[in-house]
Amino acid sequence: MTQVKLLMTADEVAETLGVSTQTAYRIIRTLNAELEAKGYLTVTGRVNRKFFAEKFYGFPESEVRDNARVS
């Protein structure tokens, strides 16, 4: 059974977006600040995978994965 990671690291964000690790950390801080403003708990240096997909792609991660398989 494959375990899905709930949080993305800065390295994963950097690879996904094609940006530097430093930029990825900046993006994570911005997304986590938005989550905290909504009352969610966050982990420094990590971002919720689903929230990341919704903010960058406009839909849940499952649809991103499904579309990636089609290409």
PDB file of N, CA and C in Angstrom:
ATOM      1  N   MET A   1       0.836  -1.177   0.000  1.00  0.00           N
ATOM      2  CA  MET A   1       0.000   0.000   0.000  1.00  0.00           C
ATOM      3  C   MET A   1       0.887   1.249   0.000  1.00  0.00           C
ATOM      4  N   THR A   2       0.647   2.147  -0.931  1.00  0.00           N
ATOM      5  CA  THR A   2       1.436   3.354  -1.056  1.00  0.00           C
ATOM      6  C   THR A   2       0.907   4.428  -0.118  1.00  0.00           C
ATOM      7  N   GLN A   3       1.814   5.026   0.633  1.00  0.00           N
ATOM      8  CA  GLN A   3       1.432   6.089   1.553  1.00  0.00           C
ATOM      9  C   GLN A   3       1.624   7.432   0.864  1.00  0.00           C
ATOM     10  N   VAL A   4       0.591   8.249   0.868  1.00  0.00           N
ATOM     11  CA  VAL A   4       0.654   9.570   0.260  1.00  0.00           C
ATOM     12  C   VAL A   4       1.124  10.565   1.316  1.00  0.00           C
ATOM     13  N   LYS A   5       2.153  11.337   0.989  1.00  0.00           N
ATOM     14  CA  LYS A   5       2.650  12.349   1.910  1.00  0.00           C
ATOM     15  C   LYS A   5       1.720  13.554   1.870  1.00  0.00           C
ATOM     16  N   LEU A   6       1.319  14.030   3.033  1.00  0.00           N
ATOM     17  CA  LEU A   6       0.413  15.166   3.122  1.00  0.00           C
ATOM     18  C   LEU A   6       1.123  16.495   2.899  1.00  0.00           C
ATOM     19  N   LEU A   7       2.414  16.546   3.248  1.00  0.00           N
ATOM     20  CA  LEU A   7       3.157  17.796   3.165  1.00  0.00           C
ATOM     21  C   LEU A   7       4.265  17.710   2.114  1.00  0.00           C
ATOM     22  N   MET A   8       4.466  18.832   1.426  1.00  0.00           N
ATOM     23  CA  MET A   8       5.560  18.927   0.449  1.00  0.00           C
ATOM     24  C   MET A   8       6.735  19.662   1.089  1.00  0.00           C
ATOM     25  N   THR A   9       7.933  19.259   0.745  1.00  0.00           N
ATOM     26  CA  THR A   9       9.139  19.948   1.210  1.00  0.00           C
ATOM     27  C   THR A   9       9.478  21.066   0.225  1.00  0.00           C
ATOM     28  N   ALA A  10      10.418  21.904   0.608  1.00  0.00           N
ATOM     29  CA  ALA A  10      10.866  22.979  -0.271  1.00  0.00           C
ATOM     30  C   ALA A  10      11.501  22.401  -1.536  1.00  0.00           C
ATOM     31  N   ASP A  11      12.214  21.296  -1.404  1.00  0.00           N
ATOM     32  CA  ASP A  11      12.821  20.670  -2.583  1.00  0.00           C
ATOM     33  C   ASP A  11      11.757  20.200  -3.565  1.00  0.00           C
ATOM     34  N   GLU A  12      10.661  19.637  -3.056  1.00  0.00           N
ATOM     35  CA  GLU A  12       9.573  19.196  -3.931  1.00  0.00           C
ATOM     36  C   GLU A  12       8.895  20.384  -4.613  1.00  0.00           C
ATOM     37  N   VAL A  13       8.672  21.453  -3.855  1.00  0.00           N
ATOM     38  CA  VAL A  13       8.061  22.658  -4.425  1.00  0.00           C
ATOM     39  C   VAL A  13       8.976  23.236  -5.503  1.00  0.00           C
ATOM     40  N   ALA A  14      10.272  23.312  -5.206  1.00  0.00           N
ATOM     41  CA  ALA A  14      11.233  23.846  -6.170  1.00  0.00           C
ATOM     42  C   ALA A  14      11.248  23.027  -7.457  1.00  0.00           C
ATOM     43  N   GLU A  15      11.244  21.714  -7.324  1.00  0.00           N
ATOM     44  CA  GLU A  15      11.262  20.845  -8.496  1.00  0.00           C
ATOM     45  C   GLU A  15       9.959  20.973  -9.290  1.00  0.00           C
ATOM     46  N   THR A  16       8.838  21.013  -8.596  1.00  0.00           N
ATOM     47  CA  THR A  16       7.545  21.106  -9.255  1.00  0.00           C
ATOM     48  C   THR A  16       7.401  22.393 -10.055  1.00  0.00           C
ATOM     49  N   LEU A  17       7.862  23.502  -9.478  1.00  0.00           N
ATOM     50  CA  LEU A  17       7.702  24.804 -10.123  1.00  0.00           C
ATOM     51  C   LEU A  17       8.900  25.223 -10.964  1.00  0.00           C
ATOM     52  N   GLY A  18      10.008  24.506 -10.839  1.00  0.00           N
ATOM     53  CA  GLY A  18      11.208  24.865 -11.583  1.00  0.00           C
ATOM     54  C   GLY A  18      11.841  26.146 -11.075  1.00  0.00           C
ATOM     55  N   VAL A  19      11.837  26.308  -9.754  1.00  0.00           N
ATOM     56  CA  VAL A  19      12.423  27.491  -9.126  1.00  0.00           C
ATOM     57  C   VAL A  19      13.518  27.056  -8.158  1.00  0.00           C
ATOM     58  N   SER A  20      14.245  28.028  -7.615  1.00  0.00           N
ATOM     59  CA  SER A  20      15.290  27.710  -6.652  1.00  0.00           C
ATOM     60  C   SER A  20      14.666  27.294  -5.317  1.00  0.00           C
ATOM     61  N   THR A  21      15.470  26.646  -4.494  1.00  0.00           N
ATOM     62  CA  THR A  21      15.008  26.237  -3.165  1.00  0.00           C
ATOM     63  C   THR A  21      14.662  27.459  -2.327  1.00  0.00           C
ATOM     64  N   GLN A  22      15.431  28.519  -2.467  1.00  0.00           N
ATOM     65  CA  GLN A  22      15.163  29.753  -1.724  1.00  0.00           C
ATOM     66  C   GLN A  22      13.791  30.320  -2.103  1.00  0.00           C
ATOM     67  N   THR A  23      13.467  30.322  -3.375  1.00  0.00           N
ATOM     68  CA  THR A  23      12.154  30.791  -3.825  1.00  0.00           C
ATOM     69  C   THR A  23      11.056  29.867  -3.310  1.00  0.00           C
ATOM     70  N   ALA A  24      11.331  28.572  -3.290  1.00  0.00           N
ATOM     71  CA  ALA A  24      10.352  27.605  -2.790  1.00  0.00           C
ATOM     72  C   ALA A  24      10.041  27.877  -1.320  1.00  0.00           C
ATOM     73  N   TYR A  25      11.059  28.179  -0.519  1.00  0.00           N
ATOM     74  CA  TYR A  25      10.825  28.497   0.886  1.00  0.00           C
ATOM     75  C   TYR A  25       9.965  29.751   1.022  1.00  0.00           C
ATOM     76  N   ARG A  26      10.200  30.735   0.178  1.00  0.00           N
ATOM     77  CA  ARG A  26       9.410  31.964   0.204  1.00  0.00           C
ATOM     78  C   ARG A  26       7.943  31.659  -0.128  1.00  0.00           C
ATOM     79  N   ILE A  27       7.724  30.807  -1.110  1.00  0.00           N
ATOM     80  CA  ILE A  27       6.365  30.411  -1.493  1.00  0.00           C
ATOM     81  C   ILE A  27       5.695  29.667  -0.345  1.00  0.00           C
ATOM     82  N   ILE A  28       6.434  28.759   0.285  1.00  0.00           N
ATOM     83  CA  ILE A  28       5.892  27.996   1.409  1.00  0.00           C
ATOM     84  C   ILE A  28       5.494  28.929   2.547  1.00  0.00           C
ATOM     85  N   ARG A  29       6.337  29.907   2.861  1.00  0.00           N
ATOM     86  CA  ARG A  29       6.006  30.859   3.925  1.00  0.00           C
ATOM     87  C   ARG A  29       4.719  31.616   3.600  1.00  0.00           C
ATOM     88  N   THR A  30       4.564  32.025   2.343  1.00  0.00           N
ATOM     89  CA  THR A  30       3.364  32.750   1.921  1.00  0.00           C
ATOM     90  C   THR A  30       2.118  31.878   2.041  1.00  0.00           C
ATOM     91  N   LEU A  31       2.206  30.643   1.557  1.00  0.00           N
ATOM     92  CA  LEU A  31       1.061  29.737   1.632  1.00  0.00           C
ATOM     93  C   LEU A  31       0.720  29.394   3.079  1.00  0.00           C
ATOM     94  N   ASN A  32       1.735  29.150   3.900  1.00  0.00           N
ATOM     95  CA  ASN A  32       1.492  28.816   5.303  1.00  0.00           C
ATOM     96  C   ASN A  32       0.884  29.999   6.061  1.00  0.00           C
ATOM     97  N   ALA A  33       1.290  31.215   5.716  1.00  0.00           N
ATOM     98  CA  ALA A  33       0.699  32.397   6.353  1.00  0.00           C
ATOM     99  C   ALA A  33      -0.792  32.478   6.023  1.00  0.00           C
ATOM    100  N   GLU A  34      -1.149  32.141   4.792  1.00  0.00           N
ATOM    101  CA  GLU A  34      -2.550  32.133   4.400  1.00  0.00           C
ATOM    102  C   GLU A  34      -3.329  31.057   5.172  1.00  0.00           C
ATOM    103  N   LEU A  35      -2.731  29.888   5.311  1.00  0.00           N
ATOM    104  CA  LEU A  35      -3.381  28.813   6.068  1.00  0.00           C
ATOM    105  C   LEU A  35      -3.550  29.199   7.534  1.00  0.00           C
ATOM    106  N   GLU A  36      -2.514  29.800   8.128  1.00  0.00           N
ATOM    107  CA  GLU A  36      -2.571  30.210   9.530  1.00  0.00           C
ATOM    108  C   GLU A  36      -3.658  31.261   9.746  1.00  0.00           C
ATOM    109  N   ALA A  37      -3.820  32.172   8.774  1.00  0.00           N
ATOM    110  CA  ALA A  37      -4.861  33.191   8.873  1.00  0.00           C
ATOM    111  C   ALA A  37      -6.255  32.564   8.873  1.00  0.00           C
ATOM    112  N   LYS A  38      -6.367  31.385   8.275  1.00  0.00           N
ATOM    113  CA  LYS A  38      -7.640  30.656   8.252  1.00  0.00           C
ATOM    114  C   LYS A  38      -7.804  29.758   9.480  1.00  0.00           C
ATOM    115  N   GLY A  39      -6.797  29.751  10.364  1.00  0.00           N
ATOM    116  CA  GLY A  39      -6.889  28.990  11.598  1.00  0.00           C
ATOM    117  C   GLY A  39      -6.259  27.608  11.558  1.00  0.00           C
ATOM    118  N   TYR A  40      -5.528  27.287  10.489  1.00  0.00           N
ATOM    119  CA  TYR A  40      -4.888  25.970  10.389  1.00  0.00           C
ATOM    120  C   TYR A  40      -3.505  25.991  11.014  1.00  0.00           C
ATOM    121  N   LEU A  41      -3.070  24.848  11.500  1.00  0.00           N
ATOM    122  CA  LEU A  41      -1.705  24.688  11.984  1.00  0.00           C
ATOM    123  C   LEU A  41      -0.809  24.364  10.796  1.00  0.00           C
ATOM    124  N   THR A  42       0.419  24.833  10.826  1.00  0.00           N
ATOM    125  CA  THR A  42       1.359  24.575   9.736  1.00  0.00           C
ATOM    126  C   THR A  42       2.677  24.069  10.292  1.00  0.00           C
ATOM    127  N   VAL A  43       3.508  23.543   9.418  1.00  0.00           N
ATOM    128  CA  VAL A  43       4.842  23.073   9.777  1.00  0.00           C
ATOM    129  C   VAL A  43       5.842  23.918   8.987  1.00  0.00           C
ATOM    130  N   THR A  44       6.785  24.519   9.668  1.00  0.00           N
ATOM    131  CA  THR A  44       7.787  25.349   9.020  1.00  0.00           C
ATOM    132  C   THR A  44       8.551  24.556   7.962  1.00  0.00           C
ATOM    133  N   GLY A  45       8.667  25.138   6.767  1.00  0.00           N
ATOM    134  CA  GLY A  45       9.428  24.497   5.693  1.00  0.00           C
ATOM    135  C   GLY A  45       8.656  23.432   4.937  1.00  0.00           C
ATOM    136  N   ARG A  46       7.384  23.261   5.256  1.00  0.00           N
ATOM    137  CA  ARG A  46       6.532  22.284   4.576  1.00  0.00           C
ATOM    138  C   ARG A  46       5.201  22.958   4.250  1.00  0.00           C
ATOM    139  N   VAL A  47       4.546  22.482   3.194  1.00  0.00           N
ATOM    140  CA  VAL A  47       3.245  23.036   2.835  1.00  0.00           C
ATOM    141  C   VAL A  47       2.298  21.885   2.507  1.00  0.00           C
ATOM    142  N   ASN A  48       1.038  22.069   2.843  1.00  0.00           N
ATOM    143  CA  ASN A  48       0.029  21.060   2.557  1.00  0.00           C
ATOM    144  C   ASN A  48      -0.048  20.838   1.047  1.00  0.00           C
ATOM    145  N   ARG A  49       0.084  19.600   0.626  1.00  0.00           N
ATOM    146  CA  ARG A  49       0.126  19.236  -0.795  1.00  0.00           C
ATOM    147  C   ARG A  49      -1.160  19.640  -1.527  1.00  0.00           C
ATOM    148  N   LYS A  50      -2.306  19.392  -0.909  1.00  0.00           N
ATOM    149  CA  LYS A  50      -3.586  19.712  -1.537  1.00  0.00           C
ATOM    150  C   LYS A  50      -3.743  21.224  -1.696  1.00  0.00           C
ATOM    151  N   PHE A  51      -3.401  21.980  -0.656  1.00  0.00           N
ATOM    152  CA  PHE A  51      -3.517  23.434  -0.711  1.00  0.00           C
ATOM    153  C   PHE A  51      -2.589  23.992  -1.789  1.00  0.00           C
ATOM    154  N   PHE A  52      -1.380  23.455  -1.869  1.00  0.00           N
ATOM    155  CA  PHE A  52      -0.432  23.876  -2.906  1.00  0.00           C
ATOM    156  C   PHE A  52      -1.029  23.667  -4.295  1.00  0.00           C
ATOM    157  N   ALA A  53      -1.588  22.491  -4.535  1.00  0.00           N
ATOM    158  CA  ALA A  53      -2.167  22.180  -5.852  1.00  0.00           C
ATOM    159  C   ALA A  53      -3.341  23.095  -6.163  1.00  0.00           C
ATOM    160  N   GLU A  54      -4.164  23.366  -5.181  1.00  0.00           N
ATOM    161  CA  GLU A  54      -5.306  24.242  -5.410  1.00  0.00           C
ATOM    162  C   GLU A  54      -4.858  25.664  -5.732  1.00  0.00           C
ATOM    163  N   LYS A  55      -3.823  26.157  -5.050  1.00  0.00           N
ATOM    164  CA  LYS A  55      -3.356  27.531  -5.276  1.00  0.00           C
ATOM    165  C   LYS A  55      -2.638  27.682  -6.617  1.00  0.00           C
ATOM    166  N   PHE A  56      -1.879  26.671  -7.021  1.00  0.00           N
ATOM    167  CA  PHE A  56      -1.106  26.806  -8.245  1.00  0.00           C
ATOM    168  C   PHE A  56      -1.811  26.292  -9.485  1.00  0.00           C
ATOM    169  N   TYR A  57      -2.674  25.307  -9.323  1.00  0.00           N
ATOM    170  CA  TYR A  57      -3.327  24.712 -10.485  1.00  0.00           C
ATOM    171  C   TYR A  57      -4.817  24.992 -10.525  1.00  0.00           C
ATOM    172  N   GLY A  58      -5.376  25.450  -9.421  1.00  0.00           N
ATOM    173  CA  GLY A  58      -6.782  25.785  -9.382  1.00  0.00           C
ATOM    174  C   GLY A  58      -7.715  24.619  -9.123  1.00  0.00           C
ATOM    175  N   PHE A  59      -7.163  23.457  -8.858  1.00  0.00           N
ATOM    176  CA  PHE A  59      -7.989  22.287  -8.547  1.00  0.00           C
ATOM    177  C   PHE A  59      -7.188  21.315  -7.698  1.00  0.00           C
ATOM    178  N   PRO A  60      -7.884  20.370  -7.071  1.00  0.00           N
ATOM    179  CA  PRO A  60      -7.208  19.439  -6.144  1.00  0.00           C
ATOM    180  C   PRO A  60      -6.103  18.622  -6.798  1.00  0.00           C
ATOM    181  N   GLU A  61      -5.165  18.168  -5.977  1.00  0.00           N
ATOM    182  CA  GLU A  61      -4.000  17.419  -6.454  1.00  0.00           C
ATOM    183  C   GLU A  61      -4.395  16.173  -7.233  1.00  0.00           C
ATOM    184  N   SER A  62      -5.465  15.504  -6.847  1.00  0.00           N
ATOM    185  CA  SER A  62      -5.851  14.272  -7.544  1.00  0.00           C
ATOM    186  C   SER A  62      -6.079  14.534  -9.026  1.00  0.00           C
ATOM    187  N   GLU A  63      -6.643  15.692  -9.360  1.00  0.00           N
ATOM    188  CA  GLU A  63      -6.842  16.032 -10.761  1.00  0.00           C
ATOM    189  C   GLU A  63      -5.518  16.354 -11.437  1.00  0.00           C
ATOM    190  N   VAL A  64      -4.574  16.935 -10.697  1.00  0.00           N
ATOM    191  CA  VAL A  64      -3.248  17.221 -11.253  1.00  0.00           C
ATOM    192  C   VAL A  64      -2.573  15.905 -11.601  1.00  0.00           C
ATOM    193  N   ARG A  65      -2.627  14.922 -10.684  1.00  0.00           N
ATOM    194  CA  ARG A  65      -2.021  13.618 -10.932  1.00  0.00           C
ATOM    195  C   ARG A  65      -2.680  12.920 -12.108  1.00  0.00           C
ATOM    196  N   ASP A  66      -4.001  12.960 -12.187  1.00  0.00           N
ATOM    197  CA  ASP A  66      -4.725  12.323 -13.285  1.00  0.00           C
ATOM    198  C   ASP A  66      -4.344  12.937 -14.622  1.00  0.00           C
ATOM    199  N   ASN A  67      -4.225  14.250 -14.682  1.00  0.00           N
ATOM    200  CA  ASN A  67      -3.851  14.930 -15.915  1.00  0.00           C
ATOM    201  C   ASN A  67      -2.410  14.628 -16.299  1.00  0.00           C
ATOM    202  N   ALA A  68      -1.537  14.483 -15.320  1.00  0.00           N
ATOM    203  CA  ALA A  68      -0.129  14.198 -15.595  1.00  0.00           C
ATOM    204  C   ALA A  68       0.026  12.810 -16.243  1.00  0.00           C
ATOM    205  N   ARG A  69      -0.802  11.875 -15.857  1.00  0.00           N
ATOM    206  CA  ARG A  69      -0.726  10.533 -16.433  1.00  0.00           C
ATOM    207  C   ARG A  69      -1.155  10.517 -17.881  1.00  0.00           C
ATOM    208  N   VAL A  70      -2.077  11.413 -18.250  1.00  0.00           N
ATOM    209  CA  VAL A  70      -2.608  11.449 -19.607  1.00  0.00           C
ATOM    210  C   VAL A  70      -1.559  11.975 -20.572  1.00  0.00           C
ATOM    211  N   SER A  71      -0.730  12.946 -20.133  1.00  0.00           N
ATOM    212  CA  SER A  71       0.237  13.569 -21.037  1.00  0.00           C
ATOM    213  C   SER A  71       1.304  12.626 -21.504  1.00  0.00           C
TER     214      SER A  71
END
